[in-house]
Amino acid sequence: MYDTGKIIAGLLVFLLVITLPFWYNLATGKAGYTPELERPTDARECVRDSAYMAAHHMDLLNVWRDQVVRQGARFETGSDGQRRERSLTRTCLGCHASKERFCDRCHSYMGVQPYCWDCHIAPEEPRP
């Protein structure tokens, strides 16, 4: 090969550039950063356990949306026997009172733009 040195140098520069965010976060101490979410203070439990909700809340909300819109099934009975309304704004935000300090912090951190508010009206947040 004629340009082995240039190819190897190019690959090293490429690896440096592609891993730069990792090195930057490691150097600044932000590698283990997770957003601090405002948890409900007066709610005992969620509609599902916390691990499920953290990983699959979007799936649950899609199922709820389909069941409410297509079948008119507005309520469900949980495994605890409690009857709950399938509602983002009344059930979820009834406990997680601040969309900005719960939903938006995590979605911003993950770089996700949920489409919940394409149909729902985002709740107004009181300004401190």
Foldseek 3Di string as FASTA:
>chain_A
DPPPVVVVVVVVVVVCVVCVVVVVCVVVVNNPDDADADFFDPDDAALDHPVCCVVPVVVLLVVLVCCCVVVVPQWDQGPVRDIDGSDCVCRVCVRRVDCCRHVVRRCVVVVHDDCPCVPPPDDDDDDD
